[in-house]
Structures are given as structure tokens and as C-alpha cells.
Amino acid sequence: MTGAKSVNPARQTTKNMRTSLKDLLQKLGVNRVLSAYETNPWMHYDEDQGITCSAEVRMGPSCTDLEAEIQFLYDDPEAAHKSNPQQIMVMRAVPTMGDLWAPKTMHVQGKHLSETLGGWEEKGCNFFLACVQALQMGELPNIEELVKKELPDDDDAKGGRGRIGRKSPKVNSSALLGMKK
């Protein structure tokens, strides 16, 4: 096809998740609307592993941006993977039209998933909420397990739907010609 424009499926879904601030906050585990500079934190310390996990949702100073972030802080800096604290996830959302909000960017374990993962907005909210639920139960979230469960790549989930050129489609030639059997 000449002139056809290739569309990144991750970019295509950005328009799909526009919701009220209250609904977005509920998807992130916050049961109230945040005001400017306000934050909703969660934290758990695992003494055996020497790791503190913190998660928070915070509203910006002019109520025009919202961030959800998860970090691990290691007692022993040698145990830290690359940095201490280690940023597990950060997602930023902004108001769009009227009273609607939409996630705009998301990084998980240093990867910019909002550029590559289809449906990343909903998946990101689910991942964040799963981490918060683990913290509320007094556990460190198992990040690797939650990434596999909540942030599946489109190749892994649903048989790779959304990728162009993987399989040849089965075409019924009589249907194309408008013929009846």
C-alpha cells in the first residue's frame, strides 16, 4: 500500500483512556480527589531483605499533572541494581478536554513503555494498583511477576493481535467478489 501510514499501536490507544480525575485516581488506588501538592503514599519495609518499597500518587502544584511512582530503596547500596533508590515505575497523566484526564507517559524499570506497549494506559494503572495492593497486605510487590501479569506485551497476550504482517490472512475469494454459495 503506498501512502498508507504505519500507526504505532501504543500511540493509537492513547485516545482511548480519557476519564475523570476521580476515576483515574480510583484506578490507581486513591479513593479521593487530590488537591494541588497533595500526595497519597503507601510504604512497606521488608527487614529480611533490607528493602523499602514506596508508592505514591501526587498532584502537581497547579493541578495540571498527576504522577504515580513506585520506588525500591535498599539498606545496602551494594544490593541496589543500578541506583538507590531504584525507580520501578513512573506514570504521568494530564488533563485533556474539559474534565477528562489521560495518561501521557509511562516508564517501568527504565523502559519507556508508553512508546511500545499497546493499551499501556490501562495496563499501567493495573500494574500500579497491584503493587499498591501488595504493599497494603504488608508485602513487597514481586515486580517481575507483576510485569509479566499486568504488562504483557501484545506478542505474548492474545496471540499477538495488533501486529501487522505476522500471518497471512485467510481470504475467502468468493466473499471478495460478492458471490453467494
N, C-alpha and C. Protein backbone atom coordinates (compact mmCIF):
# COMPACT_ATOMS: atom_id res chain seq x y z
N MET A 1 0.84 -1.19 0.00
CA MET A 1 0.00 0.00 0.00
C MET A 1 0.87 1.24 0.00
N THR A 2 0.78 2.00 -0.99
CA THR A 2 1.53 3.24 -1.00
C THR A 2 0.69 4.32 -0.36
N GLY A 3 1.34 5.17 0.39
CA GLY A 3 0.64 6.26 1.05
C GLY A 3 0.02 5.86 2.38
N ALA A 4 0.03 4.56 2.70
CA ALA A 4 -0.53 4.13 3.99
C ALA A 4 0.46 4.47 5.09
N LYS A 5 -0.06 4.99 6.15
CA LYS A 5 0.78 5.42 7.26
C LYS A 5 0.79 4.35 8.34
N SER A 6 1.97 3.94 8.76
CA SER A 6 2.10 2.96 9.83
C SER A 6 1.78 3.62 11.16
N VAL A 7 0.91 2.99 11.94
CA VAL A 7 0.49 3.54 13.22
C VAL A 7 1.01 2.66 14.33
N ASN A 8 1.71 3.25 15.27
CA ASN A 8 2.19 2.53 16.44
C ASN A 8 0.97 2.21 17.31
N PRO A 9 0.71 0.91 17.62
CA PRO A 9 -0.48 0.58 18.40
C PRO A 9 -0.48 1.22 19.78
N ALA A 10 0.67 1.46 20.36
CA ALA A 10 0.72 2.12 21.67
C ALA A 10 0.22 3.55 21.56
N ARG A 11 0.59 4.23 20.51
CA ARG A 11 0.14 5.61 20.31
C ARG A 11 -1.35 5.66 20.00
N GLN A 12 -1.82 4.66 19.28
CA GLN A 12 -3.21 4.63 18.87
C GLN A 12 -4.14 4.53 20.08
N THR A 13 -3.72 3.84 21.15
CA THR A 13 -4.61 3.64 22.29
C THR A 13 -4.64 4.84 23.22
N THR A 14 -3.75 5.81 23.06
CA THR A 14 -3.72 6.97 23.95
C THR A 14 -5.07 7.67 23.98
N LYS A 15 -5.76 7.71 22.87
CA LYS A 15 -7.04 8.39 22.81
C LYS A 15 -8.13 7.62 23.53
N ASN A 16 -7.92 6.34 23.77
CA ASN A 16 -8.96 5.51 24.36
C ASN A 16 -9.19 5.76 25.84
N MET A 17 -8.15 6.07 26.60
CA MET A 17 -8.33 6.20 28.03
C MET A 17 -8.39 7.67 28.43
N ARG A 18 -9.54 8.23 28.30
CA ARG A 18 -9.81 9.57 28.83
C ARG A 18 -10.91 9.39 29.85
N THR A 19 -10.63 9.81 31.06
CA THR A 19 -11.56 9.58 32.15
C THR A 19 -11.51 10.73 33.13
N SER A 20 -12.46 10.78 34.01
CA SER A 20 -12.47 11.84 35.02
C SER A 20 -11.29 11.65 35.98
N LEU A 21 -10.89 12.71 36.63
CA LEU A 21 -9.80 12.64 37.59
C LEU A 21 -10.15 11.65 38.70
N LYS A 22 -11.38 11.69 39.17
CA LYS A 22 -11.81 10.77 40.23
C LYS A 22 -11.66 9.32 39.79
N ASP A 23 -12.10 9.00 38.58
CA ASP A 23 -11.99 7.63 38.07
C ASP A 23 -10.53 7.21 37.88
N LEU A 24 -9.70 8.11 37.36
CA LEU A 24 -8.29 7.80 37.18
C LEU A 24 -7.63 7.52 38.53
N LEU A 25 -7.92 8.36 39.52
CA LEU A 25 -7.35 8.14 40.85
C LEU A 25 -7.82 6.81 41.43
N GLN A 26 -9.07 6.45 41.22
CA GLN A 26 -9.57 5.16 41.72
C GLN A 26 -8.85 4.00 41.04
N LYS A 27 -8.54 4.13 39.76
CA LYS A 27 -7.79 3.09 39.06
C LYS A 27 -6.39 2.93 39.65
N LEU A 28 -5.88 3.98 40.28
CA LEU A 28 -4.56 3.96 40.91
C LEU A 28 -4.63 3.65 42.41
N GLY A 29 -5.82 3.39 42.92
CA GLY A 29 -5.96 3.02 44.32
C GLY A 29 -6.21 4.16 45.28
N VAL A 30 -6.48 5.35 44.76
CA VAL A 30 -6.74 6.53 45.59
C VAL A 30 -8.24 6.78 45.60
N ASN A 31 -8.84 6.80 46.78
CA ASN A 31 -10.30 6.91 46.88
C ASN A 31 -10.79 8.32 47.15
N ARG A 32 -10.02 9.31 46.78
CA ARG A 32 -10.43 10.71 46.94
C ARG A 32 -9.72 11.53 45.87
N VAL A 33 -10.22 12.71 45.61
CA VAL A 33 -9.59 13.59 44.63
C VAL A 33 -8.51 14.39 45.33
N LEU A 34 -7.32 14.39 44.75
CA LEU A 34 -6.19 15.11 45.34
C LEU A 34 -6.21 16.58 44.94
N SER A 35 -5.76 17.43 45.84
CA SER A 35 -5.61 18.87 45.58
C SER A 35 -4.16 19.15 45.19
N ALA A 36 -3.88 20.39 44.84
CA ALA A 36 -2.51 20.80 44.47
C ALA A 36 -1.53 20.42 45.58
N TYR A 37 -0.38 19.90 45.18
CA TYR A 37 0.71 19.48 46.08
C TYR A 37 0.36 18.29 46.97
N GLU A 38 -0.81 17.73 46.83
CA GLU A 38 -1.22 16.64 47.72
C GLU A 38 -0.72 15.30 47.19
N THR A 39 -0.43 14.38 48.12
CA THR A 39 0.07 13.06 47.75
C THR A 39 -0.67 11.99 48.54
N ASN A 40 -0.74 10.81 47.96
CA ASN A 40 -1.30 9.65 48.65
C ASN A 40 -0.22 8.57 48.63
N PRO A 41 0.44 8.32 49.78
CA PRO A 41 1.57 7.38 49.80
C PRO A 41 1.21 6.00 50.37
N TRP A 42 2.00 5.01 49.98
CA TRP A 42 1.98 3.67 50.56
C TRP A 42 3.43 3.26 50.75
N MET A 43 3.70 2.44 51.77
CA MET A 43 5.09 2.03 52.01
C MET A 43 5.10 0.72 52.77
N HIS A 44 6.12 -0.09 52.47
CA HIS A 44 6.36 -1.32 53.24
C HIS A 44 7.87 -1.54 53.33
N TYR A 45 8.31 -1.94 54.52
CA TYR A 45 9.73 -2.24 54.73
C TYR A 45 9.86 -3.73 55.00
N ASP A 46 10.69 -4.40 54.21
CA ASP A 46 10.98 -5.82 54.41
C ASP A 46 12.33 -5.92 55.10
N GLU A 47 12.30 -6.21 56.40
CA GLU A 47 13.52 -6.23 57.20
C GLU A 47 14.48 -7.34 56.76
N ASP A 48 13.94 -8.49 56.37
CA ASP A 48 14.78 -9.61 55.95
C ASP A 48 15.60 -9.27 54.70
N GLN A 49 14.99 -8.60 53.75
CA GLN A 49 15.69 -8.25 52.51
C GLN A 49 16.36 -6.88 52.57
N GLY A 50 15.99 -6.07 53.55
CA GLY A 50 16.56 -4.73 53.65
C GLY A 50 16.09 -3.81 52.54
N ILE A 51 14.82 -3.96 52.16
CA ILE A 51 14.26 -3.16 51.06
C ILE A 51 13.00 -2.45 51.54
N THR A 52 12.92 -1.17 51.23
CA THR A 52 11.70 -0.40 51.44
C THR A 52 11.09 -0.14 50.08
N CYS A 53 9.81 -0.44 49.94
CA CYS A 53 9.10 -0.12 48.71
C CYS A 53 8.13 1.00 49.03
N SER A 54 8.19 2.05 48.25
CA SER A 54 7.23 3.14 48.41
C SER A 54 6.51 3.36 47.09
N ALA A 55 5.25 3.68 47.21
CA ALA A 55 4.44 4.02 46.04
C ALA A 55 3.66 5.26 46.42
N GLU A 56 3.50 6.15 45.47
CA GLU A 56 2.70 7.33 45.76
C GLU A 56 2.08 7.88 44.49
N VAL A 57 0.94 8.51 44.69
CA VAL A 57 0.28 9.27 43.63
C VAL A 57 0.30 10.71 44.11
N ARG A 58 0.80 11.62 43.28
CA ARG A 58 0.90 13.02 43.70
C ARG A 58 0.38 13.95 42.62
N MET A 59 -0.28 15.00 43.11
CA MET A 59 -0.82 16.04 42.22
C MET A 59 0.19 17.17 42.13
N GLY A 60 0.34 17.72 40.95
CA GLY A 60 1.26 18.84 40.73
C GLY A 60 0.75 20.12 41.36
N PRO A 61 1.59 21.16 41.35
CA PRO A 61 1.26 22.41 42.04
C PRO A 61 0.06 23.15 41.48
N SER A 62 -0.21 23.03 40.20
CA SER A 62 -1.34 23.76 39.62
C SER A 62 -2.48 22.83 39.20
N CYS A 63 -2.45 21.61 39.72
CA CYS A 63 -3.48 20.60 39.38
C CYS A 63 -3.55 20.34 37.88
N THR A 64 -2.41 20.43 37.20
CA THR A 64 -2.39 20.16 35.77
C THR A 64 -1.54 18.95 35.42
N ASP A 65 -1.04 18.25 36.42
CA ASP A 65 -0.36 16.99 36.17
C ASP A 65 -0.44 16.10 37.40
N LEU A 66 -0.44 14.81 37.14
CA LEU A 66 -0.56 13.80 38.18
C LEU A 66 0.51 12.75 37.91
N GLU A 67 1.21 12.33 38.95
CA GLU A 67 2.23 11.30 38.80
C GLU A 67 1.96 10.15 39.74
N ALA A 68 2.20 8.94 39.25
CA ALA A 68 2.16 7.73 40.06
C ALA A 68 3.56 7.14 39.98
N GLU A 69 4.17 6.84 41.14
CA GLU A 69 5.56 6.38 41.15
C GLU A 69 5.74 5.26 42.17
N ILE A 70 6.58 4.29 41.81
CA ILE A 70 6.96 3.20 42.70
C ILE A 70 8.48 3.16 42.74
N GLN A 71 9.04 3.06 43.96
CA GLN A 71 10.49 3.01 44.13
C GLN A 71 10.86 1.93 45.14
N PHE A 72 12.05 1.35 44.96
CA PHE A 72 12.67 0.48 45.95
C PHE A 72 13.88 1.22 46.51
N LEU A 73 14.01 1.20 47.82
CA LEU A 73 15.16 1.80 48.50
C LEU A 73 15.85 0.68 49.26
N TYR A 74 17.14 0.49 49.01
CA TYR A 74 17.90 -0.61 49.60
C TYR A 74 18.71 -0.13 50.79
N ASP A 75 18.69 -0.91 51.89
CA ASP A 75 19.52 -0.60 53.05
C ASP A 75 21.00 -0.67 52.68
N ASP A 76 21.34 -1.70 51.90
CA ASP A 76 22.72 -1.91 51.47
C ASP A 76 22.87 -1.40 50.04
N PRO A 77 23.58 -0.29 49.85
CA PRO A 77 23.73 0.27 48.50
C PRO A 77 24.33 -0.73 47.50
N GLU A 78 25.11 -1.70 48.00
CA GLU A 78 25.69 -2.72 47.11
C GLU A 78 24.60 -3.62 46.52
N ALA A 79 23.48 -3.76 47.24
CA ALA A 79 22.39 -4.62 46.77
C ALA A 79 21.53 -3.94 45.72
N ALA A 80 21.64 -2.63 45.63
CA ALA A 80 20.84 -1.89 44.65
C ALA A 80 21.27 -2.29 43.24
N HIS A 81 20.31 -2.38 42.34
CA HIS A 81 20.60 -2.82 40.97
C HIS A 81 21.46 -1.80 40.23
N LYS A 82 20.96 -0.62 40.02
CA LYS A 82 21.70 0.41 39.31
C LYS A 82 21.78 1.68 40.12
N SER A 83 20.72 1.99 40.81
CA SER A 83 20.69 3.23 41.57
C SER A 83 19.94 2.98 42.87
N ASN A 84 20.14 3.84 43.80
CA ASN A 84 19.45 3.74 45.08
C ASN A 84 18.93 5.12 45.43
N PRO A 85 17.65 5.37 45.38
CA PRO A 85 16.56 4.42 45.18
C PRO A 85 16.42 3.99 43.72
N GLN A 86 15.82 2.82 43.54
CA GLN A 86 15.58 2.28 42.20
C GLN A 86 14.14 2.61 41.81
N GLN A 87 13.99 3.36 40.74
CA GLN A 87 12.64 3.70 40.27
C GLN A 87 12.08 2.51 39.49
N ILE A 88 10.98 1.97 39.99
CA ILE A 88 10.33 0.84 39.35
C ILE A 88 9.38 1.33 38.26
N MET A 89 8.58 2.33 38.60
CA MET A 89 7.58 2.83 37.65
C MET A 89 7.32 4.31 37.89
N VAL A 90 7.10 5.03 36.83
CA VAL A 90 6.55 6.39 36.93
C VAL A 90 5.60 6.57 35.75
N MET A 91 4.42 7.06 36.06
CA MET A 91 3.42 7.34 35.03
C MET A 91 2.91 8.76 35.26
N ARG A 92 2.77 9.51 34.19
CA ARG A 92 2.31 10.89 34.28
C ARG A 92 1.02 11.03 33.49
N ALA A 93 0.05 11.72 34.10
CA ALA A 93 -1.24 11.98 33.45
C ALA A 93 -1.52 13.47 33.49
N VAL A 94 -2.23 13.95 32.49
CA VAL A 94 -2.57 15.38 32.39
C VAL A 94 -4.03 15.52 31.97
N PRO A 95 -4.62 16.70 32.26
CA PRO A 95 -5.98 16.92 31.77
C PRO A 95 -5.97 17.07 30.25
N THR A 96 -7.03 16.60 29.62
CA THR A 96 -7.13 16.70 28.16
C THR A 96 -8.22 17.70 27.81
N MET A 97 -9.43 17.23 27.56
CA MET A 97 -10.54 18.12 27.22
C MET A 97 -11.50 18.19 28.40
N GLY A 98 -11.96 19.36 28.70
CA GLY A 98 -12.93 19.51 29.78
C GLY A 98 -12.40 18.97 31.10
N ASP A 99 -13.17 18.07 31.70
CA ASP A 99 -12.78 17.48 32.97
C ASP A 99 -12.13 16.12 32.80
N LEU A 100 -11.73 15.77 31.60
CA LEU A 100 -11.15 14.45 31.36
C LEU A 100 -9.64 14.47 31.49
N TRP A 101 -9.09 13.37 32.00
CA TRP A 101 -7.66 13.20 32.18
C TRP A 101 -7.20 11.98 31.39
N ALA A 102 -5.92 11.97 31.00
CA ALA A 102 -5.37 10.83 30.27
C ALA A 102 -3.90 10.66 30.63
N PRO A 103 -3.46 9.41 30.83
CA PRO A 103 -2.02 9.16 31.00
C PRO A 103 -1.29 9.56 29.72
N LYS A 104 -0.12 10.16 29.88
CA LYS A 104 0.65 10.62 28.72
C LYS A 104 1.97 9.87 28.54
N THR A 105 2.57 9.39 29.63
CA THR A 105 3.84 8.70 29.52
C THR A 105 3.99 7.72 30.68
N MET A 106 4.73 6.63 30.43
CA MET A 106 4.97 5.65 31.47
C MET A 106 6.32 4.97 31.25
N HIS A 107 7.09 4.89 32.31
CA HIS A 107 8.35 4.15 32.32
C HIS A 107 8.25 3.07 33.39
N VAL A 108 8.65 1.86 33.05
CA VAL A 108 8.72 0.76 34.02
C VAL A 108 10.10 0.14 33.89
N GLN A 109 10.82 0.11 35.00
CA GLN A 109 12.17 -0.43 35.06
C GLN A 109 13.06 0.16 33.96
N GLY A 110 12.94 1.46 33.77
CA GLY A 110 13.78 2.17 32.81
C GLY A 110 13.33 2.07 31.36
N LYS A 111 12.25 1.36 31.09
CA LYS A 111 11.77 1.21 29.71
C LYS A 111 10.59 2.15 29.48
N HIS A 112 10.62 2.85 28.37
CA HIS A 112 9.56 3.80 28.01
C HIS A 112 8.42 3.02 27.35
N LEU A 113 7.56 2.43 28.17
CA LEU A 113 6.51 1.55 27.65
C LEU A 113 5.39 2.29 26.94
N SER A 114 5.23 3.57 27.21
CA SER A 114 4.16 4.30 26.52
C SER A 114 4.44 4.43 25.03
N GLU A 115 5.65 4.16 24.62
CA GLU A 115 6.00 4.20 23.19
C GLU A 115 5.87 2.84 22.52
N THR A 116 5.87 1.75 23.31
CA THR A 116 5.96 0.43 22.70
C THR A 116 4.86 -0.55 23.09
N LEU A 117 4.14 -0.31 24.16
CA LEU A 117 3.17 -1.28 24.68
C LEU A 117 1.75 -0.84 24.37
N GLY A 118 1.04 -1.63 23.59
CA GLY A 118 -0.35 -1.34 23.29
C GLY A 118 -1.22 -1.41 24.53
N GLY A 119 -2.13 -0.47 24.68
CA GLY A 119 -3.02 -0.44 25.85
C GLY A 119 -2.29 -0.12 27.14
N TRP A 120 -1.16 0.58 27.02
CA TRP A 120 -0.29 0.81 28.19
C TRP A 120 -0.98 1.60 29.29
N GLU A 121 -1.94 2.45 28.96
CA GLU A 121 -2.58 3.28 29.99
C GLU A 121 -3.31 2.42 31.01
N GLU A 122 -4.18 1.54 30.52
CA GLU A 122 -4.95 0.66 31.41
C GLU A 122 -4.03 -0.34 32.09
N LYS A 123 -3.10 -0.91 31.33
CA LYS A 123 -2.16 -1.88 31.90
C LYS A 123 -1.30 -1.23 32.98
N GLY A 124 -0.89 0.01 32.76
CA GLY A 124 -0.09 0.72 33.76
C GLY A 124 -0.85 0.95 35.05
N CYS A 125 -2.12 1.34 34.93
CA CYS A 125 -2.95 1.53 36.12
C CYS A 125 -3.11 0.21 36.87
N ASN A 126 -3.33 -0.88 36.14
CA ASN A 126 -3.48 -2.20 36.77
C ASN A 126 -2.19 -2.62 37.48
N PHE A 127 -1.04 -2.37 36.85
CA PHE A 127 0.25 -2.71 37.45
C PHE A 127 0.46 -1.91 38.74
N PHE A 128 0.21 -0.61 38.68
CA PHE A 128 0.38 0.23 39.86
C PHE A 128 -0.54 -0.23 40.98
N LEU A 129 -1.79 -0.49 40.67
CA LEU A 129 -2.75 -0.93 41.68
C LEU A 129 -2.35 -2.28 42.28
N ALA A 130 -1.84 -3.20 41.48
CA ALA A 130 -1.39 -4.50 42.00
C ALA A 130 -0.23 -4.31 42.98
N CYS A 131 0.68 -3.39 42.67
CA CYS A 131 1.79 -3.09 43.59
C CYS A 131 1.27 -2.49 44.89
N VAL A 132 0.33 -1.57 44.79
CA VAL A 132 -0.27 -0.94 45.97
C VAL A 132 -0.98 -1.99 46.83
N GLN A 133 -1.69 -2.91 46.20
CA GLN A 133 -2.38 -3.95 46.95
C GLN A 133 -1.40 -4.83 47.71
N ALA A 134 -0.25 -5.14 47.11
CA ALA A 134 0.77 -5.91 47.82
C ALA A 134 1.28 -5.13 49.03
N LEU A 135 1.54 -3.84 48.85
CA LEU A 135 2.00 -3.01 49.96
C LEU A 135 0.96 -2.96 51.08
N GLN A 136 -0.30 -2.87 50.72
CA GLN A 136 -1.37 -2.82 51.72
C GLN A 136 -1.49 -4.14 52.49
N MET A 137 -1.04 -5.24 51.88
CA MET A 137 -1.06 -6.53 52.56
C MET A 137 0.22 -6.77 53.35
N GLY A 138 1.10 -5.76 53.39
CA GLY A 138 2.35 -5.89 54.13
C GLY A 138 3.39 -6.73 53.43
N GLU A 139 3.40 -6.69 52.10
CA GLU A 139 4.35 -7.46 51.30
C GLU A 139 5.06 -6.56 50.30
N LEU A 140 6.29 -6.97 49.94
CA LEU A 140 6.96 -6.31 48.82
C LEU A 140 6.32 -6.84 47.54
N PRO A 141 6.00 -5.98 46.60
CA PRO A 141 5.46 -6.49 45.34
C PRO A 141 6.55 -7.25 44.57
N ASN A 142 6.17 -8.36 43.98
CA ASN A 142 7.08 -9.13 43.13
C ASN A 142 7.02 -8.49 41.74
N ILE A 143 7.96 -7.60 41.48
CA ILE A 143 7.91 -6.78 40.27
C ILE A 143 7.95 -7.63 39.00
N GLU A 144 8.86 -8.60 38.94
CA GLU A 144 8.98 -9.42 37.73
C GLU A 144 7.67 -10.15 37.44
N GLU A 145 7.06 -10.71 38.48
CA GLU A 145 5.80 -11.42 38.31
C GLU A 145 4.69 -10.47 37.86
N LEU A 146 4.63 -9.30 38.48
CA LEU A 146 3.58 -8.34 38.13
C LEU A 146 3.77 -7.76 36.74
N VAL A 147 5.02 -7.58 36.30
CA VAL A 147 5.27 -7.11 34.94
C VAL A 147 4.72 -8.13 33.95
N LYS A 148 5.00 -9.42 34.19
CA LYS A 148 4.50 -10.47 33.28
C LYS A 148 2.98 -10.53 33.27
N LYS A 149 2.37 -10.37 34.45
CA LYS A 149 0.92 -10.50 34.57
C LYS A 149 0.18 -9.26 34.09
N GLU A 150 0.62 -8.08 34.51
CA GLU A 150 -0.14 -6.85 34.27
C GLU A 150 0.31 -6.06 33.05
N LEU A 151 1.54 -6.28 32.59
CA LEU A 151 2.07 -5.53 31.45
C LEU A 151 2.50 -6.47 30.32
N PRO A 152 1.62 -7.39 29.93
CA PRO A 152 2.05 -8.32 28.88
C PRO A 152 2.23 -7.59 27.56
N ASP A 153 3.27 -7.97 26.84
CA ASP A 153 3.48 -7.43 25.51
C ASP A 153 2.38 -7.99 24.62
N ASP A 154 1.98 -7.25 23.63
CA ASP A 154 0.92 -7.71 22.73
C ASP A 154 1.31 -9.00 22.03
N ASP A 155 2.61 -9.27 21.91
CA ASP A 155 3.06 -10.52 21.30
C ASP A 155 2.73 -11.71 22.19
N ASP A 156 2.79 -11.50 23.51
CA ASP A 156 2.55 -12.58 24.46
C ASP A 156 1.07 -12.78 24.71
N ALA A 157 0.33 -11.70 24.76
CA ALA A 157 -1.09 -11.78 25.10
C ALA A 157 -1.94 -11.79 23.84
N LYS A 158 -2.99 -12.53 23.87
CA LYS A 158 -3.99 -12.52 22.81
C LYS A 158 -3.43 -12.91 21.45
N GLY A 159 -2.43 -13.76 21.44
CA GLY A 159 -1.94 -14.29 20.18
C GLY A 159 -1.27 -13.28 19.29
N GLY A 160 -0.77 -12.20 19.83
CA GLY A 160 -0.05 -11.23 19.03
C GLY A 160 -0.93 -10.32 18.21
N ARG A 161 -2.18 -10.14 18.62
CA ARG A 161 -3.06 -9.24 17.88
C ARG A 161 -2.46 -7.84 17.83
N GLY A 162 -2.71 -7.17 16.76
CA GLY A 162 -2.24 -5.81 16.64
C GLY A 162 -0.97 -5.68 15.84
N ARG A 163 -0.28 -6.77 15.60
CA ARG A 163 0.94 -6.69 14.80
C ARG A 163 0.59 -6.98 13.35
N ILE A 164 1.13 -6.20 12.49
CA ILE A 164 0.84 -6.34 11.07
C ILE A 164 1.91 -7.22 10.44
N GLY A 165 1.49 -8.11 9.57
CA GLY A 165 2.44 -8.89 8.80
C GLY A 165 2.91 -10.17 9.45
N ARG A 166 2.31 -10.59 10.54
CA ARG A 166 2.75 -11.82 11.19
C ARG A 166 2.24 -13.05 10.46
N LYS A 167 0.99 -13.06 10.11
CA LYS A 167 0.40 -14.22 9.45
C LYS A 167 -0.34 -13.74 8.21
N SER A 168 -0.41 -14.62 7.25
CA SER A 168 -1.21 -14.31 6.08
C SER A 168 -2.67 -14.50 6.45
N PRO A 169 -3.50 -13.54 6.12
CA PRO A 169 -4.92 -13.70 6.44
C PRO A 169 -5.56 -14.75 5.53
N LYS A 170 -6.55 -15.44 6.05
CA LYS A 170 -7.30 -16.40 5.24
C LYS A 170 -8.38 -15.61 4.51
N VAL A 171 -8.33 -15.64 3.21
CA VAL A 171 -9.25 -14.85 2.41
C VAL A 171 -10.18 -15.79 1.66
N ASN A 172 -11.45 -15.52 1.78
CA ASN A 172 -12.45 -16.25 1.02
C ASN A 172 -12.68 -15.46 -0.27
N SER A 173 -12.17 -15.97 -1.37
CA SER A 173 -12.21 -15.22 -2.63
C SER A 173 -13.64 -14.95 -3.10
N SER A 174 -14.56 -15.87 -2.84
CA SER A 174 -15.93 -15.62 -3.27
C SER A 174 -16.56 -14.48 -2.48
N ALA A 175 -16.17 -14.32 -1.22
CA ALA A 175 -16.69 -13.22 -0.42
C ALA A 175 -16.17 -11.89 -0.95
N LEU A 176 -14.94 -11.89 -1.45
CA LEU A 176 -14.37 -10.67 -2.01
C LEU A 176 -15.12 -10.24 -3.27
N LEU A 177 -15.55 -11.21 -4.04
CA LEU A 177 -16.23 -10.92 -5.29
C LEU A 177 -17.72 -10.72 -5.11
N GLY A 178 -18.21 -10.87 -3.87
CA GLY A 178 -19.62 -10.67 -3.60
C GLY A 178 -20.49 -11.82 -4.08
N MET A 179 -19.90 -12.98 -4.28
CA MET A 179 -20.64 -14.14 -4.77
C MET A 179 -21.26 -14.89 -3.61
N LYS A 180 -22.42 -15.47 -3.87
CA LYS A 180 -23.08 -16.31 -2.87
C LYS A 180 -22.84 -17.76 -3.22
N LYS A 181 -22.85 -18.58 -2.19
CA LYS A 181 -22.66 -20.02 -2.44
C LYS A 181 -23.96 -20.68 -2.75
